[in-house]
């Protein structure tokens, strides 16, 4: 698998830079309006799935699968 070093994508109209290391997502940078949402590392239980979650207005959304960059998607998690 090709190592991904940096992914830049858009959340709520703003750029978010996701730094990816050997153990997956290691750092996330926010741009303005920091308090309008939060982005955080995958849950420990989901470590094998390599999924990054974001939370906007208390709705959890799956926003990126690090193992498969071509499947960058955003959908509600029930």
N, C-alpha and C. Protein backbone atom coordinates (compact mmCIF):
# COMPACT_ATOMS: atom_id res chain seq x y z
N UNK A 1 0.83 -1.18 0.00
CA UNK A 1 0.00 0.00 0.00
C UNK A 1 0.88 1.24 0.00
N UNK A 2 0.55 2.17 -0.85
CA UNK A 2 1.31 3.42 -0.93
C UNK A 2 1.05 4.26 0.32
N UNK A 3 2.10 4.80 0.90
CA UNK A 3 1.96 5.62 2.10
C UNK A 3 1.44 7.00 1.73
N UNK A 4 0.40 7.43 2.42
CA UNK A 4 -0.18 8.75 2.20
C UNK A 4 0.43 9.69 3.23
N UNK A 5 1.01 10.79 2.80
CA UNK A 5 1.64 11.70 3.74
C UNK A 5 0.75 12.86 4.15
N UNK A 6 0.00 13.36 3.21
CA UNK A 6 -0.87 14.49 3.53
C UNK A 6 -2.09 14.47 2.63
N UNK A 7 -3.24 14.69 3.22
CA UNK A 7 -4.48 14.74 2.47
C UNK A 7 -5.14 16.08 2.77
N UNK A 8 -5.52 16.80 1.74
CA UNK A 8 -6.23 18.06 1.94
C UNK A 8 -7.63 17.87 1.36
N UNK A 9 -8.63 18.11 2.18
CA UNK A 9 -9.99 18.00 1.68
C UNK A 9 -10.83 19.08 2.33
N UNK A 10 -12.09 19.13 2.00
CA UNK A 10 -12.92 20.22 2.44
C UNK A 10 -14.02 19.73 3.38
N UNK A 11 -14.19 20.44 4.50
CA UNK A 11 -15.27 20.15 5.43
C UNK A 11 -16.01 21.46 5.67
N UNK A 12 -17.29 21.44 5.44
CA UNK A 12 -18.14 22.62 5.66
C UNK A 12 -17.57 23.86 4.98
N UNK A 13 -17.03 23.69 3.77
CA UNK A 13 -16.53 24.81 3.01
C UNK A 13 -15.15 25.29 3.40
N UNK A 14 -14.46 24.56 4.27
CA UNK A 14 -13.13 24.97 4.71
C UNK A 14 -12.14 23.84 4.47
N UNK A 15 -10.90 24.20 4.19
CA UNK A 15 -9.87 23.19 3.98
C UNK A 15 -9.42 22.60 5.30
N UNK A 16 -9.21 21.29 5.30
CA UNK A 16 -8.66 20.60 6.46
C UNK A 16 -7.48 19.77 5.97
N UNK A 17 -6.34 19.90 6.64
CA UNK A 17 -5.16 19.13 6.27
C UNK A 17 -5.02 17.98 7.25
N UNK A 18 -4.93 16.77 6.73
CA UNK A 18 -4.81 15.59 7.56
C UNK A 18 -3.42 15.00 7.36
N UNK A 19 -2.61 15.00 8.41
CA UNK A 19 -1.27 14.41 8.33
C UNK A 19 -1.39 12.92 8.63
N UNK A 20 -0.82 12.09 7.79
CA UNK A 20 -0.93 10.65 7.97
C UNK A 20 0.46 10.06 8.14
N UNK A 21 0.65 9.32 9.22
CA UNK A 21 1.93 8.66 9.49
C UNK A 21 1.78 7.16 9.37
N UNK A 22 2.76 6.43 9.90
CA UNK A 22 2.75 4.97 9.79
C UNK A 22 1.57 4.35 10.53
N UNK A 23 1.10 5.00 11.57
CA UNK A 23 0.00 4.45 12.36
C UNK A 23 -1.33 5.09 12.00
N UNK A 24 -1.44 5.69 10.85
CA UNK A 24 -2.69 6.32 10.44
C UNK A 24 -2.68 7.81 10.70
N UNK A 25 -3.84 8.36 10.97
CA UNK A 25 -3.97 9.80 11.16
C UNK A 25 -3.26 10.21 12.45
N UNK A 26 -2.34 11.16 12.34
CA UNK A 26 -1.59 11.59 13.51
C UNK A 26 -1.84 13.03 13.88
N UNK A 27 -2.31 13.83 12.97
CA UNK A 27 -2.52 15.24 13.27
C UNK A 27 -3.54 15.82 12.31
N UNK A 28 -4.32 16.76 12.81
CA UNK A 28 -5.31 17.42 11.97
C UNK A 28 -5.22 18.91 12.21
N UNK A 29 -5.17 19.69 11.15
CA UNK A 29 -5.13 21.15 11.28
C UNK A 29 -6.48 21.72 10.89
N UNK A 30 -6.91 22.74 11.61
CA UNK A 30 -8.18 23.39 11.33
C UNK A 30 -7.94 24.77 10.74
N UNK A 31 -8.87 25.24 9.92
CA UNK A 31 -8.76 26.57 9.33
C UNK A 31 -10.01 27.38 9.66
N UNK A 32 -9.85 28.39 10.52
CA UNK A 32 -10.94 29.29 10.91
C UNK A 32 -12.14 28.52 11.47
N UNK A 33 -13.12 29.22 11.96
CA UNK A 33 -14.36 28.63 12.47
C UNK A 33 -14.10 27.32 13.22
N UNK A 34 -13.08 27.29 14.03
CA UNK A 34 -12.70 26.05 14.71
C UNK A 34 -13.83 25.44 15.52
N UNK A 35 -14.67 26.26 16.10
CA UNK A 35 -15.69 25.74 16.99
C UNK A 35 -16.95 25.25 16.28
N UNK A 36 -17.01 25.37 14.96
CA UNK A 36 -18.21 24.95 14.25
C UNK A 36 -18.26 23.44 14.04
N UNK A 37 -17.14 22.76 14.19
CA UNK A 37 -17.09 21.31 14.04
C UNK A 37 -15.81 20.81 14.67
N UNK A 38 -15.69 19.52 14.84
CA UNK A 38 -14.42 18.97 15.27
C UNK A 38 -14.11 17.72 14.46
N UNK A 39 -12.85 17.50 14.22
CA UNK A 39 -12.38 16.34 13.47
C UNK A 39 -11.45 15.60 14.42
N UNK A 40 -11.54 14.29 14.46
CA UNK A 40 -10.71 13.58 15.41
C UNK A 40 -10.24 12.25 14.83
N UNK A 41 -9.27 11.66 15.48
CA UNK A 41 -8.70 10.40 15.02
C UNK A 41 -9.73 9.28 15.13
N UNK A 42 -9.52 8.25 14.34
CA UNK A 42 -10.41 7.10 14.37
C UNK A 42 -10.51 6.52 15.78
N UNK A 43 -11.65 5.92 16.10
CA UNK A 43 -11.83 5.26 17.38
C UNK A 43 -10.87 4.08 17.47
N UNK A 44 -10.41 3.78 18.68
CA UNK A 44 -9.48 2.66 18.86
C UNK A 44 -10.08 1.35 18.35
N UNK A 45 -11.39 1.16 18.54
CA UNK A 45 -12.03 -0.07 18.10
C UNK A 45 -12.06 -0.19 16.59
N UNK A 46 -11.93 0.94 15.90
CA UNK A 46 -11.98 0.93 14.44
C UNK A 46 -10.60 1.02 13.81
N UNK A 47 -9.56 0.77 14.61
CA UNK A 47 -8.19 0.97 14.13
C UNK A 47 -7.90 0.15 12.88
N UNK A 48 -8.52 -1.04 12.76
CA UNK A 48 -8.28 -1.88 11.58
C UNK A 48 -9.01 -1.36 10.36
N UNK A 49 -10.01 -0.52 10.55
CA UNK A 49 -10.79 0.00 9.43
C UNK A 49 -10.17 1.26 8.85
N UNK A 50 -9.27 1.90 9.61
CA UNK A 50 -8.58 3.11 9.14
C UNK A 50 -9.55 4.18 8.70
N UNK A 51 -10.56 4.43 9.51
CA UNK A 51 -11.58 5.42 9.16
C UNK A 51 -11.43 6.65 10.05
N UNK A 52 -11.47 7.81 9.44
CA UNK A 52 -11.45 9.07 10.18
C UNK A 52 -12.88 9.58 10.27
N UNK A 53 -13.27 10.04 11.45
CA UNK A 53 -14.61 10.56 11.62
C UNK A 53 -14.58 12.07 11.80
N UNK A 54 -15.65 12.71 11.45
CA UNK A 54 -15.83 14.12 11.79
C UNK A 54 -17.20 14.27 12.45
N UNK A 55 -17.34 15.27 13.28
CA UNK A 55 -18.60 15.50 13.96
C UNK A 55 -19.03 16.93 13.70
N UNK A 56 -20.18 17.10 13.06
CA UNK A 56 -20.71 18.43 12.80
C UNK A 56 -22.10 18.49 13.40
N UNK A 57 -22.28 19.41 14.34
CA UNK A 57 -23.56 19.56 15.01
C UNK A 57 -24.05 18.22 15.55
N UNK A 58 -23.16 17.49 16.22
CA UNK A 58 -23.47 16.22 16.88
C UNK A 58 -23.87 15.09 15.93
N UNK A 59 -23.61 15.22 14.64
CA UNK A 59 -23.88 14.14 13.69
C UNK A 59 -22.55 13.53 13.29
N UNK A 60 -22.39 12.25 13.55
CA UNK A 60 -21.13 11.59 13.20
C UNK A 60 -21.15 11.21 11.73
N UNK A 61 -20.10 11.54 11.02
CA UNK A 61 -20.00 11.29 9.59
C UNK A 61 -18.68 10.58 9.30
N UNK A 62 -18.73 9.54 8.47
CA UNK A 62 -17.51 8.91 8.02
C UNK A 62 -17.02 9.71 6.83
N UNK A 63 -15.80 10.26 6.92
CA UNK A 63 -15.39 11.16 5.85
C UNK A 63 -14.18 10.68 5.06
N UNK A 64 -13.42 9.72 5.54
CA UNK A 64 -12.28 9.28 4.74
C UNK A 64 -11.81 7.90 5.15
N UNK A 65 -11.56 7.06 4.18
CA UNK A 65 -10.98 5.75 4.42
C UNK A 65 -9.54 5.82 3.98
N UNK A 66 -8.62 5.84 4.94
CA UNK A 66 -7.20 6.04 4.64
C UNK A 66 -6.65 4.90 3.80
N UNK A 67 -7.22 3.70 3.93
CA UNK A 67 -6.70 2.55 3.18
C UNK A 67 -7.05 2.63 1.71
N UNK A 68 -8.04 3.42 1.36
CA UNK A 68 -8.47 3.50 -0.04
C UNK A 68 -8.83 4.93 -0.40
N UNK A 69 -7.82 5.76 -0.72
CA UNK A 69 -8.05 7.18 -1.00
C UNK A 69 -9.06 7.43 -2.11
N UNK A 70 -9.18 6.50 -3.04
CA UNK A 70 -10.10 6.72 -4.15
C UNK A 70 -11.55 6.64 -3.70
N UNK A 71 -11.79 6.12 -2.50
CA UNK A 71 -13.17 6.01 -2.02
C UNK A 71 -13.49 7.09 -1.00
N UNK A 72 -12.91 8.26 -1.17
CA UNK A 72 -13.19 9.37 -0.26
C UNK A 72 -14.68 9.67 -0.32
N UNK A 73 -15.38 9.44 0.78
CA UNK A 73 -16.82 9.65 0.76
C UNK A 73 -17.30 10.22 2.08
N UNK A 74 -18.49 10.72 2.05
CA UNK A 74 -19.06 11.32 3.25
C UNK A 74 -20.51 10.86 3.36
N UNK A 75 -20.86 10.21 4.45
CA UNK A 75 -22.23 9.76 4.62
C UNK A 75 -22.53 9.62 6.11
N UNK A 76 -23.81 9.63 6.46
CA UNK A 76 -24.20 9.53 7.86
C UNK A 76 -23.96 8.13 8.37
N UNK A 77 -23.45 8.03 9.58
CA UNK A 77 -23.25 6.73 10.21
C UNK A 77 -24.38 6.51 11.20
N UNK A 78 -25.14 5.44 11.02
CA UNK A 78 -26.29 5.21 11.89
C UNK A 78 -25.89 4.45 13.13
